[in-house]
């Protein structure tokens, strides 16, 4: 009887394992890695823009931490992202954890795209000045 049960268990080469649920743990590990990399990119861009005076932080927690120094924000970001990633990894075999990991990737990816467009704007502003149409639209300069 135990031989029959052993033969019916899916192995990594079994066609049963082609279903996505059996690889969810690996996907979540990759997603959490991507989230960590995008969080590192966000941290770098935040510190870079703040250091060059290009950023007025609107997040009150990040603003307070930046006033304490960059190391405070770095530690907060590591702890916050590490805790979130740890929760996802702990629950990596659950479908809801995968949904949350994909949601976090989408949010971080949109933030990274936003950073890239902001940085391009900062670069143009620093090199060529602010176009007059932007000044009137923003209402913050001039």
N, C-alpha and C. Protein backbone atom coordinates (compact mmCIF):
# COMPACT_ATOMS: atom_id res chain seq x y z
N UNK A 1 0.81 -1.19 0.00
CA UNK A 1 0.00 0.00 0.00
C UNK A 1 0.86 1.26 0.00
N UNK A 2 1.92 1.26 0.79
CA UNK A 2 2.77 2.45 0.83
C UNK A 2 3.49 2.66 -0.50
N UNK A 3 3.79 1.57 -1.21
CA UNK A 3 4.43 1.71 -2.53
C UNK A 3 3.49 2.40 -3.50
N UNK A 4 2.22 2.09 -3.44
CA UNK A 4 1.24 2.72 -4.33
C UNK A 4 1.15 4.21 -4.04
N UNK A 5 1.17 4.59 -2.77
CA UNK A 5 1.12 6.01 -2.41
C UNK A 5 2.39 6.73 -2.85
N UNK A 6 3.52 6.06 -2.71
CA UNK A 6 4.78 6.65 -3.11
C UNK A 6 4.81 6.90 -4.61
N UNK A 7 4.29 5.96 -5.37
CA UNK A 7 4.30 6.12 -6.83
C UNK A 7 3.35 7.21 -7.30
N UNK A 8 2.33 7.51 -6.52
CA UNK A 8 1.36 8.51 -6.94
C UNK A 8 1.77 9.93 -6.55
N UNK A 9 2.74 10.08 -5.68
CA UNK A 9 3.19 11.42 -5.29
C UNK A 9 3.86 12.11 -6.47
N UNK A 10 3.56 13.39 -6.70
CA UNK A 10 4.22 14.08 -7.80
C UNK A 10 5.69 14.35 -7.48
N UNK A 11 6.52 14.19 -8.47
CA UNK A 11 7.93 14.52 -8.34
C UNK A 11 8.19 15.76 -9.17
N UNK A 12 9.40 16.26 -9.12
CA UNK A 12 9.71 17.46 -9.89
C UNK A 12 9.64 17.21 -11.39
N UNK A 13 9.69 15.96 -11.82
CA UNK A 13 9.63 15.65 -13.24
C UNK A 13 8.24 15.20 -13.67
N UNK A 14 7.33 15.15 -12.74
CA UNK A 14 5.99 14.66 -13.03
C UNK A 14 5.18 15.70 -13.78
N UNK A 15 4.31 15.28 -14.69
CA UNK A 15 3.44 16.24 -15.37
C UNK A 15 2.48 16.93 -14.41
N UNK A 16 2.22 16.32 -13.24
CA UNK A 16 1.35 16.95 -12.26
C UNK A 16 1.97 18.24 -11.75
N UNK A 17 3.29 18.30 -11.71
CA UNK A 17 4.00 19.46 -11.18
C UNK A 17 4.05 20.63 -12.17
N UNK A 18 3.47 20.47 -13.32
CA UNK A 18 3.42 21.59 -14.27
C UNK A 18 2.41 22.64 -13.85
N UNK A 19 1.52 22.30 -12.94
CA UNK A 19 0.55 23.27 -12.45
C UNK A 19 1.27 24.33 -11.63
N UNK A 20 0.82 25.57 -11.70
CA UNK A 20 1.53 26.66 -11.03
C UNK A 20 1.64 26.54 -9.52
N UNK A 21 0.69 25.90 -8.86
CA UNK A 21 0.70 25.87 -7.39
C UNK A 21 1.94 25.19 -6.83
N UNK A 22 2.47 24.21 -7.52
CA UNK A 22 3.62 23.49 -6.97
C UNK A 22 4.91 24.31 -7.08
N UNK A 23 4.90 25.35 -7.86
CA UNK A 23 6.10 26.21 -7.99
C UNK A 23 5.91 27.57 -7.36
N UNK A 24 4.84 27.72 -6.60
CA UNK A 24 4.52 29.02 -5.99
C UNK A 24 5.65 29.49 -5.07
N UNK A 25 6.22 28.58 -4.30
CA UNK A 25 7.29 28.97 -3.39
C UNK A 25 8.47 29.59 -4.11
N UNK A 26 8.87 29.01 -5.23
CA UNK A 26 9.98 29.58 -6.01
C UNK A 26 9.61 30.94 -6.59
N UNK A 27 8.38 31.05 -7.09
CA UNK A 27 7.95 32.34 -7.65
C UNK A 27 7.97 33.43 -6.59
N UNK A 28 7.49 33.11 -5.41
CA UNK A 28 7.46 34.12 -4.35
C UNK A 28 8.87 34.50 -3.93
N UNK A 29 9.78 33.56 -3.90
CA UNK A 29 11.17 33.90 -3.59
C UNK A 29 11.72 34.87 -4.64
N UNK A 30 11.45 34.61 -5.90
CA UNK A 30 11.89 35.53 -6.96
C UNK A 30 11.20 36.88 -6.86
N UNK A 31 9.91 36.89 -6.56
CA UNK A 31 9.18 38.14 -6.43
C UNK A 31 9.70 38.97 -5.25
N UNK A 32 9.97 38.32 -4.13
CA UNK A 32 10.50 39.03 -2.97
C UNK A 32 11.89 39.58 -3.27
N UNK A 33 12.68 38.85 -4.03
CA UNK A 33 13.99 39.37 -4.45
C UNK A 33 13.83 40.61 -5.33
N UNK A 34 12.88 40.56 -6.26
CA UNK A 34 12.62 41.72 -7.11
C UNK A 34 12.12 42.90 -6.28
N UNK A 35 11.27 42.64 -5.30
CA UNK A 35 10.79 43.71 -4.42
C UNK A 35 11.95 44.34 -3.66
N UNK A 36 12.86 43.51 -3.17
CA UNK A 36 14.03 44.03 -2.45
C UNK A 36 14.91 44.89 -3.34
N UNK A 37 15.13 44.46 -4.57
CA UNK A 37 15.95 45.25 -5.49
C UNK A 37 15.28 46.58 -5.83
N UNK A 38 13.97 46.55 -6.04
CA UNK A 38 13.28 47.81 -6.35
C UNK A 38 13.23 48.73 -5.14
N UNK A 39 13.15 48.16 -3.93
CA UNK A 39 13.21 48.99 -2.73
C UNK A 39 14.59 49.62 -2.57
N UNK A 40 15.63 48.88 -2.91
CA UNK A 40 16.98 49.44 -2.87
C UNK A 40 17.11 50.58 -3.89
N UNK A 41 16.54 50.40 -5.07
CA UNK A 41 16.55 51.46 -6.08
C UNK A 41 15.81 52.69 -5.57
N UNK A 42 14.65 52.50 -4.93
CA UNK A 42 13.89 53.62 -4.38
C UNK A 42 14.70 54.33 -3.30
N UNK A 43 15.34 53.58 -2.45
CA UNK A 43 16.15 54.17 -1.39
C UNK A 43 17.30 54.98 -1.97
N UNK A 44 17.99 54.42 -2.95
CA UNK A 44 19.09 55.13 -3.59
C UNK A 44 18.60 56.43 -4.23
N UNK A 45 17.50 56.35 -4.97
CA UNK A 45 16.99 57.54 -5.64
C UNK A 45 16.51 58.59 -4.64
N UNK A 46 15.89 58.15 -3.56
CA UNK A 46 15.44 59.09 -2.53
C UNK A 46 16.63 59.81 -1.91
N UNK A 47 17.65 59.05 -1.54
CA UNK A 47 18.82 59.67 -0.92
C UNK A 47 19.57 60.57 -1.90
N UNK A 48 19.65 60.14 -3.15
CA UNK A 48 20.33 60.94 -4.18
C UNK A 48 19.58 62.25 -4.42
N UNK A 49 18.28 62.17 -4.61
CA UNK A 49 17.49 63.38 -4.87
C UNK A 49 17.48 64.30 -3.65
N UNK A 50 17.38 63.72 -2.47
CA UNK A 50 17.39 64.54 -1.26
C UNK A 50 18.75 65.20 -1.05
N UNK A 51 19.80 64.47 -1.32
CA UNK A 51 21.15 65.02 -1.17
C UNK A 51 21.44 66.16 -2.13
N UNK A 52 20.80 66.16 -3.30
CA UNK A 52 21.01 67.22 -4.28
C UNK A 52 19.94 68.30 -4.21
N UNK A 53 19.08 68.23 -3.22
CA UNK A 53 18.05 69.25 -3.06
C UNK A 53 16.94 69.18 -4.09
N UNK A 54 16.77 68.04 -4.73
CA UNK A 54 15.75 67.89 -5.76
C UNK A 54 14.45 67.31 -5.21
N UNK A 55 14.43 66.96 -3.95
CA UNK A 55 13.30 66.24 -3.40
C UNK A 55 12.76 66.95 -2.17
N UNK A 56 11.48 67.16 -2.17
CA UNK A 56 10.78 67.55 -0.96
C UNK A 56 9.91 66.35 -0.60
N UNK A 57 10.32 65.63 0.40
CA UNK A 57 9.63 64.39 0.76
C UNK A 57 8.25 64.69 1.31
N UNK A 58 7.23 64.06 0.75
CA UNK A 58 5.86 64.28 1.20
C UNK A 58 5.41 63.22 2.19
N UNK A 59 6.12 62.09 2.26
CA UNK A 59 5.80 61.06 3.24
C UNK A 59 6.31 61.55 4.60
N UNK A 60 5.40 61.74 5.57
CA UNK A 60 5.85 62.31 6.85
C UNK A 60 6.85 61.44 7.60
N UNK A 61 6.73 60.12 7.48
CA UNK A 61 7.69 59.24 8.16
C UNK A 61 9.06 59.37 7.52
N UNK A 62 9.11 59.30 6.19
CA UNK A 62 10.39 59.43 5.49
C UNK A 62 10.99 60.82 5.70
N UNK A 63 10.14 61.85 5.72
CA UNK A 63 10.64 63.22 5.95
C UNK A 63 11.29 63.32 7.31
N UNK A 64 10.64 62.77 8.34
CA UNK A 64 11.21 62.79 9.68
C UNK A 64 12.53 62.02 9.73
N UNK A 65 12.56 60.86 9.10
CA UNK A 65 13.78 60.04 9.11
C UNK A 65 14.91 60.73 8.34
N UNK A 66 14.58 61.41 7.24
CA UNK A 66 15.61 62.14 6.51
C UNK A 66 16.18 63.29 7.34
N UNK A 67 15.36 63.89 8.18
CA UNK A 67 15.86 64.96 9.07
C UNK A 67 16.82 64.39 10.10
N UNK A 68 16.66 63.10 10.46
CA UNK A 68 17.55 62.45 11.43
C UNK A 68 18.87 62.04 10.78
N UNK A 69 18.89 61.96 9.46
CA UNK A 69 20.07 61.54 8.73
C UNK A 69 19.74 60.37 7.82
N UNK A 70 20.56 60.15 6.81
CA UNK A 70 20.26 59.08 5.85
C UNK A 70 20.28 57.68 6.46
N UNK A 71 21.08 57.46 7.49
CA UNK A 71 21.17 56.12 8.06
C UNK A 71 19.84 55.70 8.70
N UNK A 72 19.10 56.66 9.25
CA UNK A 72 17.80 56.34 9.84
C UNK A 72 16.84 55.83 8.78
N UNK A 73 16.83 56.48 7.62
CA UNK A 73 15.96 56.03 6.53
C UNK A 73 16.41 54.67 5.99
N UNK A 74 17.71 54.48 5.90
CA UNK A 74 18.23 53.19 5.41
C UNK A 74 17.80 52.06 6.34
N UNK A 75 17.97 52.24 7.63
CA UNK A 75 17.59 51.20 8.59
C UNK A 75 16.09 50.95 8.57
N UNK A 76 15.30 52.02 8.49
CA UNK A 76 13.85 51.87 8.43
C UNK A 76 13.44 51.09 7.19
N UNK A 77 14.02 51.44 6.06
CA UNK A 77 13.66 50.79 4.80
C UNK A 77 14.04 49.30 4.84
N UNK A 78 15.21 49.00 5.38
CA UNK A 78 15.64 47.59 5.49
C UNK A 78 14.70 46.82 6.40
N UNK A 79 14.36 47.38 7.55
CA UNK A 79 13.47 46.70 8.49
C UNK A 79 12.07 46.54 7.90
N UNK A 80 11.55 47.60 7.30
CA UNK A 80 10.19 47.57 6.76
C UNK A 80 10.08 46.59 5.60
N UNK A 81 10.98 46.70 4.62
CA UNK A 81 10.95 45.79 3.47
C UNK A 81 11.31 44.37 3.90
N UNK A 82 12.22 44.23 4.84
CA UNK A 82 12.59 42.91 5.33
C UNK A 82 11.44 42.21 6.04
N UNK A 83 10.69 42.97 6.83
CA UNK A 83 9.53 42.38 7.51
C UNK A 83 8.48 41.94 6.50
N UNK A 84 8.17 42.82 5.53
CA UNK A 84 7.18 42.47 4.51
C UNK A 84 7.61 41.27 3.69
N UNK A 85 8.88 41.25 3.29
CA UNK A 85 9.40 40.11 2.54
C UNK A 85 9.39 38.84 3.37
N UNK A 86 9.68 38.97 4.66
CA UNK A 86 9.65 37.81 5.55
C UNK A 86 8.25 37.22 5.69
N UNK A 87 7.25 38.09 5.78
CA UNK A 87 5.87 37.61 5.87
C UNK A 87 5.49 36.87 4.60
N UNK A 88 5.87 37.42 3.45
CA UNK A 88 5.57 36.75 2.18
C UNK A 88 6.29 35.40 2.08
N UNK A 89 7.55 35.36 2.49
CA UNK A 89 8.30 34.11 2.43
C UNK A 89 7.75 33.08 3.41
N UNK A 90 7.34 33.52 4.57
CA UNK A 90 6.79 32.61 5.57
C UNK A 90 5.53 31.93 5.03
N UNK A 91 4.74 32.69 4.28
CA UNK A 91 3.47 32.18 3.74
C UNK A 91 3.57 31.86 2.26
N UNK A 92 4.74 31.52 1.78
CA UNK A 92 4.98 31.38 0.34
C UNK A 92 4.19 30.28 -0.35
N UNK A 93 3.62 29.38 0.39
CA UNK A 93 2.86 28.30 -0.24
C UNK A 93 1.36 28.61 -0.34
N UNK A 94 0.99 29.82 0.08
CA UNK A 94 -0.42 30.21 0.03
C UNK A 94 -0.68 31.12 -1.18
N UNK A 95 -1.82 30.94 -1.79
CA UNK A 95 -2.18 31.72 -2.96
C UNK A 95 -2.26 33.21 -2.65
N UNK A 96 -2.80 33.56 -1.50
CA UNK A 96 -2.91 34.97 -1.13
C UNK A 96 -1.54 35.63 -1.03
N UNK A 97 -0.54 34.92 -0.55
CA UNK A 97 0.81 35.47 -0.47
C UNK A 97 1.34 35.77 -1.87
N UNK A 98 1.03 34.90 -2.82
CA UNK A 98 1.48 35.16 -4.19
C UNK A 98 0.78 36.39 -4.77
N UNK A 99 -0.52 36.51 -4.52
CA UNK A 99 -1.24 37.71 -4.98
C UNK A 99 -0.63 38.98 -4.38
N UNK A 100 -0.33 38.93 -3.09
CA UNK A 100 0.26 40.10 -2.43
C UNK A 100 1.66 40.40 -2.96
N UNK A 101 2.42 39.37 -3.27
CA UNK A 101 3.76 39.57 -3.82
C UNK A 101 3.67 40.22 -5.20
N UNK A 102 2.74 39.77 -6.03
CA UNK A 102 2.56 40.39 -7.35
C UNK A 102 2.10 41.84 -7.20
N UNK A 103 1.22 42.10 -6.24
CA UNK A 103 0.77 43.47 -6.00
C UNK A 103 1.93 44.36 -5.56
N UNK A 104 2.77 43.85 -4.69
CA UNK A 104 3.93 44.62 -4.24
C UNK A 104 4.91 44.87 -5.39
N UNK A 105 5.10 43.88 -6.25
CA UNK A 105 5.96 44.07 -7.42
C UNK A 105 5.39 45.15 -8.32
N UNK A 106 4.08 45.11 -8.57
CA UNK A 106 3.45 46.12 -9.42
C UNK A 106 3.59 47.52 -8.82
N UNK A 107 3.38 47.64 -7.51
CA UNK A 107 3.52 48.94 -6.84
C UNK A 107 4.96 49.44 -6.90
N UNK A 108 5.90 48.57 -6.63
CA UNK A 108 7.31 48.97 -6.68
C UNK A 108 7.76 49.27 -8.10
N UNK A 109 7.25 48.54 -9.06
CA UNK A 109 7.60 48.80 -10.45
C UNK A 109 7.06 50.15 -10.90
N UNK A 110 5.83 50.47 -10.53
CA UNK A 110 5.28 51.78 -10.89
C UNK A 110 6.07 52.90 -10.22
N UNK A 111 6.53 52.67 -8.99
CA UNK A 111 7.35 53.65 -8.31
C UNK A 111 8.71 53.82 -9.01
N UNK A 112 9.29 52.72 -9.46
CA UNK A 112 10.57 52.80 -10.16
C UNK A 112 10.43 53.55 -11.49
N UNK A 113 9.35 53.30 -12.21
CA UNK A 113 9.11 54.03 -13.46
C UNK A 113 8.92 55.50 -13.16
N UNK A 114 8.19 55.80 -12.11
CA UNK A 114 7.98 57.21 -11.70
C UNK A 114 9.30 57.87 -11.35
N UNK A 115 10.17 57.16 -10.64
CA UNK A 115 11.48 57.71 -10.30
C UNK A 115 12.29 58.01 -11.56
N UNK A 116 12.23 57.11 -12.52
CA UNK A 116 13.01 57.32 -13.74
C UNK A 116 12.51 58.55 -14.48
N UNK A 117 11.19 58.76 -14.56
CA UNK A 117 10.67 59.94 -15.24
C UNK A 117 10.99 61.20 -14.44
N UNK A 118 10.92 61.14 -13.11
CA UNK A 118 11.29 62.30 -12.30
C UNK A 118 12.76 62.64 -12.47
N UNK A 119 13.60 61.62 -12.49
CA UNK A 119 15.04 61.86 -12.62
C UNK A 119 15.35 62.48 -13.98
N UNK A 120 14.67 62.03 -15.04
CA UNK A 120 14.87 62.64 -16.35
C UNK A 120 14.46 64.11 -16.31
N UNK A 121 13.35 64.42 -15.63
CA UNK A 121 12.92 65.81 -15.50
C UNK A 121 13.95 66.62 -14.72
N UNK A 122 14.47 66.06 -13.62
CA UNK A 122 15.49 66.76 -12.84
C UNK A 122 16.74 67.03 -13.68
N UNK A 123 17.12 66.05 -14.47
CA UNK A 123 18.31 66.19 -15.32
C UNK A 123 18.12 67.30 -16.35
N UNK A 124 16.97 67.33 -17.00
CA UNK A 124 16.68 68.38 -17.98
C UNK A 124 16.63 69.73 -17.28
N UNK A 125 16.02 69.79 -16.10
CA UNK A 125 15.91 71.04 -15.36
C UNK A 125 17.29 71.57 -14.98
N UNK A 126 18.16 70.69 -14.51
CA UNK A 126 19.48 71.12 -14.09
C UNK A 126 20.35 71.53 -15.28
N UNK A 127 20.21 70.86 -16.41
CA UNK A 127 21.05 71.14 -17.56
C UNK A 127 20.55 72.28 -18.43
N UNK A 128 19.23 72.40 -18.55
CA UNK A 128 18.69 73.37 -19.51
C UNK A 128 17.74 74.38 -18.90
N UNK A 129 17.48 74.31 -17.63
CA UNK A 129 16.52 75.21 -17.00
C UNK A 129 15.11 74.66 -17.14
N UNK A 130 14.20 75.28 -16.42
CA UNK A 130 12.81 74.83 -16.44
C UNK A 130 12.07 75.51 -17.57
N UNK A 131 11.39 74.75 -18.43
CA UNK A 131 10.58 75.37 -19.49
C UNK A 131 9.49 76.25 -18.90
N UNK A 132 9.15 77.33 -19.56
CA UNK A 132 8.18 78.28 -19.02
C UNK A 132 6.81 77.66 -18.83
N UNK A 133 6.39 76.74 -19.66
CA UNK A 133 5.09 76.08 -19.50
C UNK A 133 5.02 75.26 -18.24
N UNK A 134 6.14 74.66 -17.87
CA UNK A 134 6.18 73.85 -16.65
C UNK A 134 6.06 74.74 -15.42
N UNK A 135 6.69 75.92 -15.47
CA UNK A 135 6.62 76.83 -14.35
C UNK A 135 5.19 77.23 -14.08
N UNK A 136 4.45 77.57 -15.13
CA UNK A 136 3.07 78.00 -14.91
C UNK A 136 2.18 76.85 -14.46
N UNK A 137 2.46 75.63 -14.96
CA UNK A 137 1.65 74.47 -14.56
C UNK A 137 1.95 74.11 -13.11
N UNK A 138 3.20 74.06 -12.76
CA UNK A 138 3.57 73.67 -11.39
C UNK A 138 3.22 74.76 -10.38
N UNK A 139 3.43 76.00 -10.77
CA UNK A 139 3.12 77.10 -9.88
C UNK A 139 4.04 77.16 -8.67
N UNK A 140 5.19 76.51 -8.73
CA UNK A 140 6.07 76.49 -7.56
C UNK A 140 7.38 77.24 -7.83
N UNK A 141 7.70 77.46 -9.07
CA UNK A 141 8.95 78.14 -9.39
C UNK A 141 8.65 79.51 -10.00
N UNK A 142 9.54 80.42 -9.81
CA UNK A 142 9.43 81.71 -10.47
C UNK A 142 8.36 82.54 -9.99
